[in-house]
Amino acid sequence: MLSTSDTAPGNHRLWAVLVMVVALVLQVAVANRLPLPGSVTPDLVLLTVVALALVNGEMLGLVAGFTAGLAADIMPPADHTIGRYALVYCLVGYICGLASAEMDRSSVVPFVAVAAGALAGSVLYAGVGMLLGDPRATWAIISRMVPLSVLYDVLASPFVVWAVLRVTRRVDRGRSPGRFDLAPARYRAMSRERI
């Protein structure tokens, strides 16, 4: 078995890129087509950035956020100024990455970080849109859409965070995860003891 010290850092980057590509495809092909109330959909890409940042720290969160945001900016149906998602996801990835050290102390941290990341992402995206003069970024629209967006993101977060943790464990452990794997905080604490 491989410990985290045996796993090359390039593997983490490669798996992060693969996870982001899957999230982008699922966002465009599935999530954006869901007929949910309020014409708002969960932001799977933002949730993936938050999950990657929580697992790997602020630097990978920052880079993953920027690259995923830039890809989301140019991926059809892009109808906004290029760079908005890149800026928002970059900031959210970095801030959530700062909380990665706290994941070992409490199992509530991932859910609070996802909720805070979803709220920050929605508000920052709307704020940047208002600064750039986007006619769809008005207080009336924002006050109606942000709570729904955060709600949908929080509801979708267990699935996205679980998938990212599962892929990360596979990379760290060098094997496929078993049926009764450990909680993320306990897993990370045990892997540090082996180093």
N, C-alpha and C. Protein backbone atom coordinates (compact mmCIF):
# COMPACT_ATOMS: atom_id res chain seq x y z
N MET A 1 0.83 -1.19 0.00
CA MET A 1 0.00 0.00 0.00
C MET A 1 0.87 1.25 0.00
N LEU A 2 0.35 2.29 -0.59
CA LEU A 2 1.06 3.56 -0.63
C LEU A 2 0.56 4.45 0.47
N SER A 3 1.46 5.14 1.12
CA SER A 3 1.05 6.18 2.06
C SER A 3 1.07 7.51 1.32
N THR A 4 0.62 8.56 1.99
CA THR A 4 0.60 9.86 1.31
C THR A 4 1.99 10.34 0.96
N SER A 5 3.01 9.86 1.68
CA SER A 5 4.37 10.29 1.34
C SER A 5 4.87 9.60 0.08
N ASP A 6 4.28 8.41 -0.26
CA ASP A 6 4.69 7.69 -1.46
C ASP A 6 3.97 8.17 -2.71
N THR A 7 2.88 8.86 -2.53
CA THR A 7 2.09 9.32 -3.66
C THR A 7 2.70 10.60 -4.22
N ALA A 8 2.92 10.62 -5.52
CA ALA A 8 3.52 11.79 -6.14
C ALA A 8 2.54 12.95 -6.13
N PRO A 9 3.06 14.19 -5.91
CA PRO A 9 2.17 15.34 -5.93
C PRO A 9 1.48 15.52 -7.28
N GLY A 10 2.12 15.05 -8.35
CA GLY A 10 1.51 15.14 -9.66
C GLY A 10 0.23 14.34 -9.76
N ASN A 11 0.14 13.24 -9.01
CA ASN A 11 -1.08 12.45 -9.01
C ASN A 11 -2.26 13.25 -8.48
N HIS A 12 -2.01 14.04 -7.42
CA HIS A 12 -3.09 14.87 -6.87
C HIS A 12 -3.56 15.89 -7.89
N ARG A 13 -2.62 16.49 -8.59
CA ARG A 13 -2.98 17.48 -9.60
C ARG A 13 -3.73 16.83 -10.76
N LEU A 14 -3.25 15.68 -11.18
CA LEU A 14 -3.91 14.98 -12.29
C LEU A 14 -5.33 14.59 -11.91
N TRP A 15 -5.51 14.05 -10.72
CA TRP A 15 -6.85 13.67 -10.27
C TRP A 15 -7.73 14.89 -10.06
N ALA A 16 -7.14 16.01 -9.60
CA ALA A 16 -7.92 17.24 -9.44
C ALA A 16 -8.42 17.73 -10.79
N VAL A 17 -7.57 17.66 -11.80
CA VAL A 17 -7.99 18.06 -13.14
C VAL A 17 -9.10 17.15 -13.66
N LEU A 18 -8.94 15.85 -13.46
CA LEU A 18 -9.95 14.90 -13.90
C LEU A 18 -11.29 15.15 -13.20
N VAL A 19 -11.24 15.39 -11.90
CA VAL A 19 -12.47 15.66 -11.14
C VAL A 19 -13.13 16.95 -11.62
N MET A 20 -12.33 17.97 -11.92
CA MET A 20 -12.88 19.24 -12.41
C MET A 20 -13.52 19.08 -13.79
N VAL A 21 -12.90 18.29 -14.65
CA VAL A 21 -13.48 18.06 -15.98
C VAL A 21 -14.83 17.35 -15.86
N VAL A 22 -14.88 16.34 -15.00
CA VAL A 22 -16.14 15.62 -14.79
C VAL A 22 -17.20 16.57 -14.23
N ALA A 23 -16.82 17.43 -13.28
CA ALA A 23 -17.77 18.38 -12.71
C ALA A 23 -18.28 19.36 -13.76
N LEU A 24 -17.39 19.84 -14.63
CA LEU A 24 -17.82 20.76 -15.69
C LEU A 24 -18.79 20.09 -16.65
N VAL A 25 -18.49 18.86 -17.03
CA VAL A 25 -19.38 18.14 -17.95
C VAL A 25 -20.73 17.88 -17.30
N LEU A 26 -20.72 17.45 -16.04
CA LEU A 26 -21.99 17.21 -15.34
C LEU A 26 -22.78 18.50 -15.14
N GLN A 27 -22.08 19.60 -14.93
CA GLN A 27 -22.77 20.88 -14.78
C GLN A 27 -23.51 21.26 -16.05
N VAL A 28 -22.82 21.16 -17.18
CA VAL A 28 -23.42 21.56 -18.45
C VAL A 28 -24.45 20.55 -18.94
N ALA A 29 -24.13 19.26 -18.82
CA ALA A 29 -25.00 18.24 -19.39
C ALA A 29 -26.18 17.86 -18.50
N VAL A 30 -26.02 17.97 -17.19
CA VAL A 30 -27.09 17.50 -16.30
C VAL A 30 -27.67 18.63 -15.46
N ALA A 31 -26.84 19.27 -14.64
CA ALA A 31 -27.35 20.24 -13.66
C ALA A 31 -28.04 21.43 -14.31
N ASN A 32 -27.47 21.96 -15.38
CA ASN A 32 -28.07 23.12 -16.03
C ASN A 32 -29.41 22.79 -16.70
N ARG A 33 -29.71 21.53 -16.89
CA ARG A 33 -30.96 21.13 -17.55
C ARG A 33 -32.04 20.71 -16.56
N LEU A 34 -31.73 20.74 -15.26
CA LEU A 34 -32.72 20.35 -14.26
C LEU A 34 -33.82 21.41 -14.17
N PRO A 35 -35.07 20.99 -14.22
CA PRO A 35 -36.17 21.96 -14.11
C PRO A 35 -36.51 22.26 -12.65
N LEU A 36 -35.63 22.92 -11.96
CA LEU A 36 -35.82 23.23 -10.54
C LEU A 36 -36.57 24.55 -10.38
N PRO A 37 -37.32 24.69 -9.30
CA PRO A 37 -38.03 25.95 -9.05
C PRO A 37 -37.07 27.13 -8.94
N GLY A 38 -37.49 28.25 -9.45
CA GLY A 38 -36.69 29.47 -9.36
C GLY A 38 -35.68 29.63 -10.47
N SER A 39 -35.64 28.71 -11.42
CA SER A 39 -34.69 28.77 -12.54
C SER A 39 -33.25 28.85 -12.06
N VAL A 40 -32.95 28.19 -10.95
CA VAL A 40 -31.60 28.14 -10.39
C VAL A 40 -31.19 26.69 -10.30
N THR A 41 -29.92 26.42 -10.55
CA THR A 41 -29.41 25.05 -10.48
C THR A 41 -28.24 24.99 -9.50
N PRO A 42 -27.96 23.81 -8.95
CA PRO A 42 -26.78 23.70 -8.08
C PRO A 42 -25.51 23.91 -8.90
N ASP A 43 -24.53 24.51 -8.28
CA ASP A 43 -23.26 24.79 -8.95
C ASP A 43 -22.27 23.67 -8.58
N LEU A 44 -22.25 22.63 -9.38
CA LEU A 44 -21.41 21.47 -9.11
C LEU A 44 -19.92 21.81 -9.19
N VAL A 45 -19.59 22.74 -10.05
CA VAL A 45 -18.18 23.13 -10.20
C VAL A 45 -17.70 23.85 -8.94
N LEU A 46 -18.51 24.74 -8.41
CA LEU A 46 -18.14 25.43 -7.18
C LEU A 46 -18.01 24.44 -6.02
N LEU A 47 -18.93 23.50 -5.94
CA LEU A 47 -18.87 22.49 -4.88
C LEU A 47 -17.62 21.63 -5.02
N THR A 48 -17.23 21.32 -6.23
CA THR A 48 -16.02 20.53 -6.45
C THR A 48 -14.78 21.32 -6.06
N VAL A 49 -14.75 22.59 -6.36
CA VAL A 49 -13.63 23.44 -5.96
C VAL A 49 -13.53 23.48 -4.43
N VAL A 50 -14.67 23.65 -3.76
CA VAL A 50 -14.67 23.68 -2.30
C VAL A 50 -14.17 22.35 -1.73
N ALA A 51 -14.65 21.24 -2.29
CA ALA A 51 -14.23 19.92 -1.80
C ALA A 51 -12.74 19.70 -2.03
N LEU A 52 -12.23 20.05 -3.20
CA LEU A 52 -10.80 19.90 -3.47
C LEU A 52 -9.98 20.78 -2.53
N ALA A 53 -10.45 21.98 -2.27
CA ALA A 53 -9.73 22.87 -1.36
C ALA A 53 -9.73 22.33 0.06
N LEU A 54 -10.83 21.77 0.49
CA LEU A 54 -10.91 21.22 1.84
C LEU A 54 -9.99 20.01 2.01
N VAL A 55 -9.83 19.24 0.96
CA VAL A 55 -9.00 18.04 1.04
C VAL A 55 -7.52 18.36 0.86
N ASN A 56 -7.21 19.27 -0.05
CA ASN A 56 -5.81 19.49 -0.45
C ASN A 56 -5.20 20.81 0.01
N GLY A 57 -5.96 21.71 0.58
CA GLY A 57 -5.39 22.96 1.07
C GLY A 57 -5.64 24.14 0.16
N GLU A 58 -5.17 25.29 0.63
CA GLU A 58 -5.50 26.54 -0.05
C GLU A 58 -4.83 26.71 -1.40
N MET A 59 -3.62 26.21 -1.59
CA MET A 59 -2.94 26.42 -2.87
C MET A 59 -3.63 25.65 -4.00
N LEU A 60 -3.94 24.38 -3.77
CA LEU A 60 -4.65 23.63 -4.79
C LEU A 60 -6.06 24.18 -4.96
N GLY A 61 -6.69 24.65 -3.88
CA GLY A 61 -8.00 25.27 -3.98
C GLY A 61 -7.97 26.52 -4.85
N LEU A 62 -6.93 27.32 -4.68
CA LEU A 62 -6.76 28.53 -5.46
C LEU A 62 -6.58 28.20 -6.94
N VAL A 63 -5.67 27.30 -7.25
CA VAL A 63 -5.39 26.94 -8.64
C VAL A 63 -6.58 26.22 -9.27
N ALA A 64 -7.17 25.27 -8.53
CA ALA A 64 -8.34 24.56 -9.05
C ALA A 64 -9.49 25.52 -9.28
N GLY A 65 -9.68 26.46 -8.37
CA GLY A 65 -10.74 27.45 -8.53
C GLY A 65 -10.54 28.32 -9.75
N PHE A 66 -9.32 28.77 -9.96
CA PHE A 66 -9.05 29.62 -11.12
C PHE A 66 -9.25 28.86 -12.43
N THR A 67 -8.67 27.67 -12.52
CA THR A 67 -8.78 26.92 -13.79
C THR A 67 -10.21 26.46 -14.05
N ALA A 68 -10.90 25.99 -13.01
CA ALA A 68 -12.30 25.57 -13.20
C ALA A 68 -13.17 26.77 -13.55
N GLY A 69 -12.91 27.90 -12.91
CA GLY A 69 -13.68 29.10 -13.21
C GLY A 69 -13.44 29.60 -14.62
N LEU A 70 -12.20 29.55 -15.07
CA LEU A 70 -11.91 29.97 -16.44
C LEU A 70 -12.57 29.03 -17.44
N ALA A 71 -12.54 27.74 -17.15
CA ALA A 71 -13.22 26.79 -18.03
C ALA A 71 -14.73 27.03 -18.03
N ALA A 72 -15.30 27.33 -16.86
CA ALA A 72 -16.73 27.62 -16.79
C ALA A 72 -17.07 28.92 -17.51
N ASP A 73 -16.13 29.86 -17.52
CA ASP A 73 -16.35 31.13 -18.21
C ASP A 73 -16.44 30.96 -19.73
N ILE A 74 -15.68 30.03 -20.28
CA ILE A 74 -15.65 29.89 -21.74
C ILE A 74 -16.51 28.73 -22.25
N MET A 75 -16.98 27.88 -21.34
CA MET A 75 -17.78 26.73 -21.74
C MET A 75 -19.20 27.19 -22.07
N PRO A 76 -19.74 26.74 -23.21
CA PRO A 76 -21.11 27.14 -23.55
C PRO A 76 -22.10 26.65 -22.52
N PRO A 77 -23.10 27.30 -22.22
CA PRO A 77 -23.60 28.57 -22.76
C PRO A 77 -23.10 29.76 -21.94
N ALA A 78 -21.91 30.21 -22.18
CA ALA A 78 -21.34 31.35 -21.47
C ALA A 78 -21.98 32.63 -21.98
N ASP A 79 -22.64 33.34 -21.08
CA ASP A 79 -23.33 34.57 -21.46
C ASP A 79 -22.95 35.73 -20.54
N HIS A 80 -21.73 35.70 -20.06
CA HIS A 80 -21.27 36.72 -19.13
C HIS A 80 -19.82 37.09 -19.48
N THR A 81 -19.29 38.07 -18.79
CA THR A 81 -17.92 38.51 -19.01
C THR A 81 -16.94 37.42 -18.58
N ILE A 82 -15.99 37.12 -19.46
CA ILE A 82 -15.01 36.09 -19.13
C ILE A 82 -14.15 36.56 -17.96
N GLY A 83 -14.00 35.69 -17.00
CA GLY A 83 -13.19 35.99 -15.84
C GLY A 83 -14.00 36.08 -14.54
N ARG A 84 -15.32 36.19 -14.65
CA ARG A 84 -16.14 36.30 -13.43
C ARG A 84 -16.05 35.04 -12.60
N TYR A 85 -16.30 33.90 -13.22
CA TYR A 85 -16.21 32.65 -12.47
C TYR A 85 -14.78 32.37 -12.02
N ALA A 86 -13.81 32.71 -12.84
CA ALA A 86 -12.42 32.47 -12.47
C ALA A 86 -12.06 33.23 -11.19
N LEU A 87 -12.47 34.47 -11.11
CA LEU A 87 -12.20 35.27 -9.92
C LEU A 87 -12.94 34.72 -8.70
N VAL A 88 -14.21 34.43 -8.86
CA VAL A 88 -15.04 33.96 -7.75
C VAL A 88 -14.56 32.60 -7.24
N TYR A 89 -14.36 31.65 -8.14
CA TYR A 89 -13.95 30.31 -7.73
C TYR A 89 -12.54 30.32 -7.13
N CYS A 90 -11.69 31.18 -7.66
CA CYS A 90 -10.33 31.31 -7.13
C CYS A 90 -10.37 31.77 -5.67
N LEU A 91 -11.14 32.80 -5.39
CA LEU A 91 -11.25 33.31 -4.02
C LEU A 91 -11.91 32.30 -3.08
N VAL A 92 -12.98 31.66 -3.54
CA VAL A 92 -13.67 30.67 -2.71
C VAL A 92 -12.77 29.47 -2.46
N GLY A 93 -12.05 29.01 -3.47
CA GLY A 93 -11.14 27.88 -3.30
C GLY A 93 -10.04 28.18 -2.29
N TYR A 94 -9.51 29.39 -2.34
CA TYR A 94 -8.45 29.76 -1.40
C TYR A 94 -8.99 29.84 0.03
N ILE A 95 -10.13 30.50 0.20
CA ILE A 95 -10.70 30.68 1.54
C ILE A 95 -11.11 29.33 2.13
N CYS A 96 -11.72 28.47 1.34
CA CYS A 96 -12.10 27.15 1.85
C CYS A 96 -10.87 26.28 2.10
N GLY A 97 -9.82 26.48 1.34
CA GLY A 97 -8.58 25.76 1.57
C GLY A 97 -7.94 26.11 2.91
N LEU A 98 -8.17 27.33 3.36
CA LEU A 98 -7.66 27.72 4.68
C LEU A 98 -8.32 26.90 5.79
N ALA A 99 -9.53 26.42 5.55
CA ALA A 99 -10.24 25.62 6.55
C ALA A 99 -9.87 24.14 6.49
N SER A 100 -8.98 23.75 5.57
CA SER A 100 -8.65 22.33 5.43
C SER A 100 -7.97 21.77 6.68
N ALA A 101 -7.22 22.59 7.39
CA ALA A 101 -6.58 22.11 8.62
C ALA A 101 -7.61 21.83 9.71
N GLU A 102 -8.74 22.51 9.65
CA GLU A 102 -9.79 22.33 10.65
C GLU A 102 -10.62 21.07 10.40
N MET A 103 -10.49 20.45 9.23
CA MET A 103 -11.27 19.25 8.93
C MET A 103 -10.94 18.12 9.89
N ASP A 104 -9.72 18.09 10.39
CA ASP A 104 -9.32 17.03 11.30
C ASP A 104 -9.95 17.18 12.68
N ARG A 105 -10.37 18.37 13.01
CA ARG A 105 -10.89 18.63 14.36
C ARG A 105 -12.38 18.43 14.48
N SER A 106 -13.12 18.58 13.40
CA SER A 106 -14.57 18.49 13.49
C SER A 106 -15.14 17.96 12.19
N SER A 107 -16.17 17.14 12.30
CA SER A 107 -16.82 16.61 11.10
C SER A 107 -17.85 17.59 10.56
N VAL A 108 -18.11 18.67 11.27
CA VAL A 108 -19.07 19.67 10.83
C VAL A 108 -18.43 20.66 9.86
N VAL A 109 -17.11 20.79 9.92
CA VAL A 109 -16.39 21.79 9.12
C VAL A 109 -16.68 21.66 7.62
N PRO A 110 -16.67 20.45 7.02
CA PRO A 110 -16.95 20.39 5.58
C PRO A 110 -18.31 20.95 5.21
N PHE A 111 -19.32 20.69 6.01
CA PHE A 111 -20.66 21.17 5.66
C PHE A 111 -20.79 22.68 5.86
N VAL A 112 -20.16 23.20 6.89
CA VAL A 112 -20.16 24.64 7.10
C VAL A 112 -19.36 25.32 5.99
N ALA A 113 -18.22 24.73 5.62
CA ALA A 113 -17.40 25.31 4.55
C ALA A 113 -18.13 25.29 3.21
N VAL A 114 -18.86 24.22 2.94
CA VAL A 114 -19.61 24.14 1.69
C VAL A 114 -20.72 25.20 1.68
N ALA A 115 -21.44 25.33 2.78
CA ALA A 115 -22.50 26.34 2.85
C ALA A 115 -21.92 27.74 2.71
N ALA A 116 -20.81 28.00 3.43
CA ALA A 116 -20.18 29.32 3.34
C ALA A 116 -19.61 29.57 1.94
N GLY A 117 -19.02 28.52 1.35
CA GLY A 117 -18.49 28.66 -0.01
C GLY A 117 -19.58 28.90 -1.03
N ALA A 118 -20.71 28.22 -0.87
CA ALA A 118 -21.84 28.42 -1.79
C ALA A 118 -22.40 29.83 -1.65
N LEU A 119 -22.55 30.29 -0.43
CA LEU A 119 -23.05 31.65 -0.20
C LEU A 119 -22.07 32.68 -0.73
N ALA A 120 -20.78 32.51 -0.40
CA ALA A 120 -19.77 33.45 -0.88
C ALA A 120 -19.68 33.45 -2.40
N GLY A 121 -19.74 32.27 -3.01
CA GLY A 121 -19.67 32.19 -4.46
C GLY A 121 -20.84 32.89 -5.13
N SER A 122 -22.03 32.67 -4.63
CA SER A 122 -23.22 33.30 -5.22
C SER A 122 -23.19 34.82 -5.05
N VAL A 123 -22.84 35.27 -3.84
CA VAL A 123 -22.81 36.71 -3.57
C VAL A 123 -21.68 37.38 -4.34
N LEU A 124 -20.50 36.77 -4.38
CA LEU A 124 -19.39 37.36 -5.13
C LEU A 124 -19.69 37.43 -6.62
N TYR A 125 -20.28 36.36 -7.17
CA TYR A 125 -20.61 36.37 -8.60
C TYR A 125 -21.61 37.49 -8.90
N ALA A 126 -22.62 37.63 -8.05
CA ALA A 126 -23.60 38.69 -8.26
C ALA A 126 -22.97 40.06 -8.07
N GLY A 127 -22.10 40.21 -7.06
CA GLY A 127 -21.44 41.49 -6.83
C GLY A 127 -20.54 41.90 -7.97
N VAL A 128 -19.79 40.94 -8.50
CA VAL A 128 -18.93 41.25 -9.66
C VAL A 128 -19.80 41.62 -10.86
N GLY A 129 -20.92 40.93 -11.02
CA GLY A 129 -21.84 41.27 -12.11
C GLY A 129 -22.39 42.68 -11.98
N MET A 130 -22.72 43.07 -10.74
CA MET A 130 -23.21 44.44 -10.52
C MET A 130 -22.13 45.47 -10.85
N LEU A 131 -20.88 45.16 -10.46
CA LEU A 131 -19.78 46.08 -10.76
C LEU A 131 -19.53 46.23 -12.25
N LEU A 132 -19.74 45.12 -12.98
CA LEU A 132 -19.52 45.15 -14.42
C LEU A 132 -20.73 45.62 -15.21
N GLY A 133 -21.83 45.92 -14.52
CA GLY A 133 -23.02 46.44 -15.20
C GLY A 133 -23.88 45.38 -15.85
N ASP A 134 -23.85 44.16 -15.35
CA ASP A 134 -24.70 43.10 -15.89
C ASP A 134 -26.16 43.43 -15.54
N PRO A 135 -27.04 43.54 -16.55
CA PRO A 135 -28.44 43.90 -16.27
C PRO A 135 -29.19 42.82 -15.48
N ARG A 136 -28.67 41.60 -15.44
CA ARG A 136 -29.33 40.53 -14.68
C ARG A 136 -28.92 40.55 -13.21
N ALA A 137 -27.97 41.40 -12.84
CA ALA A 137 -27.50 41.47 -11.46
C ALA A 137 -28.11 42.68 -10.77
N THR A 138 -29.36 42.56 -10.38
CA THR A 138 -30.04 43.60 -9.63
C THR A 138 -30.38 43.05 -8.25
N TRP A 139 -30.67 43.94 -7.31
CA TRP A 139 -30.97 43.50 -5.95
C TRP A 139 -32.19 42.61 -5.91
N ALA A 140 -33.18 42.89 -6.73
CA ALA A 140 -34.41 42.08 -6.73
C ALA A 140 -34.11 40.65 -7.18
N ILE A 141 -33.33 40.52 -8.23
CA ILE A 141 -33.00 39.19 -8.76
C ILE A 141 -32.06 38.46 -7.79
N ILE A 142 -31.08 39.17 -7.27
CA ILE A 142 -30.10 38.55 -6.36
C ILE A 142 -30.79 38.06 -5.08
N SER A 143 -31.66 38.87 -4.51
CA SER A 143 -32.33 38.48 -3.27
C SER A 143 -33.26 37.29 -3.46
N ARG A 144 -33.72 37.08 -4.68
CA ARG A 144 -34.58 35.94 -4.96
C ARG A 144 -33.76 34.69 -5.30
N MET A 145 -32.65 34.85 -6.01
CA MET A 145 -31.90 33.70 -6.51
C MET A 145 -30.83 33.18 -5.55
N VAL A 146 -30.19 34.03 -4.78
CA VAL A 146 -29.09 33.60 -3.92
C VAL A 146 -29.55 32.57 -2.87
N PRO A 147 -30.67 32.80 -2.16
CA PRO A 147 -31.08 31.77 -1.20
C PRO A 147 -31.37 30.41 -1.85
N LEU A 148 -32.01 30.42 -3.01
CA LEU A 148 -32.27 29.16 -3.72
C LEU A 148 -30.98 28.50 -4.18
N SER A 149 -30.06 29.30 -4.67
CA SER A 149 -28.79 28.76 -5.13
C SER A 149 -28.02 28.12 -3.98
N VAL A 150 -27.97 28.78 -2.85
CA VAL A 150 -27.28 28.22 -1.68
C VAL A 150 -27.99 26.95 -1.21
N LEU A 151 -29.30 26.96 -1.19
CA LEU A 151 -30.05 25.77 -0.78
C LEU A 151 -29.76 24.58 -1.68
N TYR A 152 -29.78 24.79 -2.99
CA TYR A 152 -29.50 23.70 -3.94
C TYR A 152 -28.06 23.22 -3.80
N ASP A 153 -27.13 24.16 -3.59
CA ASP A 153 -25.72 23.77 -3.41
C ASP A 153 -25.54 22.93 -2.15
N VAL A 154 -26.17 23.33 -1.06
CA VAL A 154 -26.05 22.58 0.18
C VAL A 154 -26.68 21.19 0.04
N LEU A 155 -27.79 21.10 -0.67
CA LEU A 155 -28.43 19.81 -0.87
C LEU A 155 -27.59 18.89 -1.76
N ALA A 156 -26.89 19.45 -2.72
CA ALA A 156 -26.05 18.64 -3.62
C ALA A 156 -24.67 18.36 -3.03
N SER A 157 -24.27 19.11 -2.01
CA SER A 157 -22.91 19.01 -1.48
C SER A 157 -22.52 17.64 -0.94
N PRO A 158 -23.39 16.91 -0.22
CA PRO A 158 -22.92 15.61 0.27
C PRO A 158 -22.46 14.67 -0.84
N PHE A 159 -23.12 14.71 -1.98
CA PHE A 159 -22.76 13.84 -3.09
C PHE A 159 -21.44 14.25 -3.71
N VAL A 160 -21.25 15.55 -3.91
CA VAL A 160 -20.02 16.05 -4.53
C VAL A 160 -18.83 15.85 -3.59
N VAL A 161 -18.99 16.23 -2.33
CA VAL A 161 -17.90 16.08 -1.37
C VAL A 161 -17.55 14.60 -1.20
N TRP A 162 -18.55 13.74 -1.13
CA TRP A 162 -18.30 12.30 -1.02
C TRP A 162 -17.49 11.80 -2.22
N ALA A 163 -17.87 12.22 -3.44
CA ALA A 163 -17.15 11.76 -4.63
C ALA A 163 -15.70 12.24 -4.63
N VAL A 164 -15.48 13.49 -4.26
CA VAL A 164 -14.11 14.02 -4.24
C VAL A 164 -13.29 13.31 -3.16
N LEU A 165 -13.88 13.08 -1.99
CA LEU A 165 -13.16 12.36 -0.93
C LEU A 165 -12.84 10.94 -1.36
N ARG A 166 -13.74 10.33 -2.05
CA ARG A 166 -13.52 8.94 -2.51
C ARG A 166 -12.36 8.88 -3.51
N VAL A 167 -12.33 9.79 -4.45
CA VAL A 167 -11.24 9.82 -5.43
C VAL A 167 -9.92 10.15 -4.73
N THR A 168 -9.95 11.09 -3.79
CA THR A 168 -8.73 11.47 -3.08
C THR A 168 -8.20 10.32 -2.25
N ARG A 169 -9.07 9.60 -1.61
CA ARG A 169 -8.63 8.43 -0.84
C ARG A 169 -7.99 7.40 -1.73
N ARG A 170 -8.56 7.20 -2.89
CA ARG A 170 -8.01 6.22 -3.83
C ARG A 170 -6.60 6.62 -4.23
N VAL A 171 -6.37 7.90 -4.47
CA VAL A 171 -5.05 8.37 -4.84
C VAL A 171 -4.09 8.24 -3.66
N ASP A 172 -4.55 8.64 -2.47
CA ASP A 172 -3.68 8.59 -1.29
C ASP A 172 -3.34 7.17 -0.87
N ARG A 173 -4.29 6.29 -0.94
CA ARG A 173 -4.08 4.94 -0.44
C ARG A 173 -3.54 4.00 -1.51
N GLY A 174 -3.66 4.36 -2.77
CA GLY A 174 -3.17 3.51 -3.84
C GLY A 174 -4.01 2.26 -4.03
N ARG A 175 -5.25 2.32 -3.58
CA ARG A 175 -6.16 1.18 -3.72
C ARG A 175 -7.57 1.72 -3.84
N SER A 176 -8.47 0.83 -4.18
CA SER A 176 -9.85 1.26 -4.22
C SER A 176 -10.42 1.24 -2.81
N PRO A 177 -11.24 2.21 -2.46
CA PRO A 177 -11.77 2.28 -1.11
C PRO A 177 -12.70 1.11 -0.82
N GLY A 178 -12.69 0.70 0.42
CA GLY A 178 -13.57 -0.37 0.84
C GLY A 178 -14.95 0.13 1.16
N ARG A 179 -15.80 -0.80 1.53
CA ARG A 179 -17.19 -0.44 1.80
C ARG A 179 -17.32 0.39 3.08
N PHE A 180 -16.50 0.11 4.07
CA PHE A 180 -16.61 0.79 5.35
C PHE A 180 -15.41 1.69 5.58
N ASP A 181 -15.18 2.64 4.68
CA ASP A 181 -14.04 3.55 4.83
C ASP A 181 -14.26 4.50 6.01
N LEU A 182 -13.16 5.08 6.47
CA LEU A 182 -13.18 5.96 7.61
C LEU A 182 -13.75 7.33 7.25
N ALA A 183 -14.17 8.05 8.25
CA ALA A 183 -14.60 9.43 8.06
C ALA A 183 -13.41 10.24 7.59
N PRO A 184 -13.62 11.32 6.82
CA PRO A 184 -12.51 12.09 6.27
C PRO A 184 -11.53 12.60 7.32
N ALA A 185 -12.02 13.13 8.42
CA ALA A 185 -11.12 13.67 9.43
C ALA A 185 -10.27 12.57 10.05
N ARG A 186 -10.87 11.46 10.36
CA ARG A 186 -10.14 10.35 10.96
C ARG A 186 -9.15 9.76 9.96
N TYR A 187 -9.55 9.67 8.71
CA TYR A 187 -8.67 9.15 7.67
C TYR A 187 -7.43 10.01 7.52
N ARG A 188 -7.63 11.33 7.46
CA ARG A 188 -6.50 12.23 7.29
C ARG A 188 -5.57 12.17 8.50
N ALA A 189 -6.13 12.05 9.69
CA ALA A 189 -5.30 11.95 10.90
C ALA A 189 -4.48 10.66 10.89
N MET A 190 -5.08 9.55 10.47
CA MET A 190 -4.35 8.29 10.42
C MET A 190 -3.26 8.31 9.36
N SER A 191 -3.52 8.94 8.23
CA SER A 191 -2.52 8.98 7.16
C SER A 191 -1.34 9.83 7.57
N ARG A 192 -1.55 10.83 8.40
CA ARG A 192 -0.44 11.66 8.87
C ARG A 192 0.42 10.89 9.88
N GLU A 193 -0.20 9.99 10.64
CA GLU A 193 0.56 9.22 11.60
C GLU A 193 1.55 8.28 10.93
N ARG A 194 1.23 7.82 9.74
CA ARG A 194 2.10 6.88 9.02
C ARG A 194 3.33 7.57 8.44
N ILE A 195 3.27 8.85 8.25
CA ILE A 195 4.36 9.57 7.60
C ILE A 195 5.57 9.63 8.51
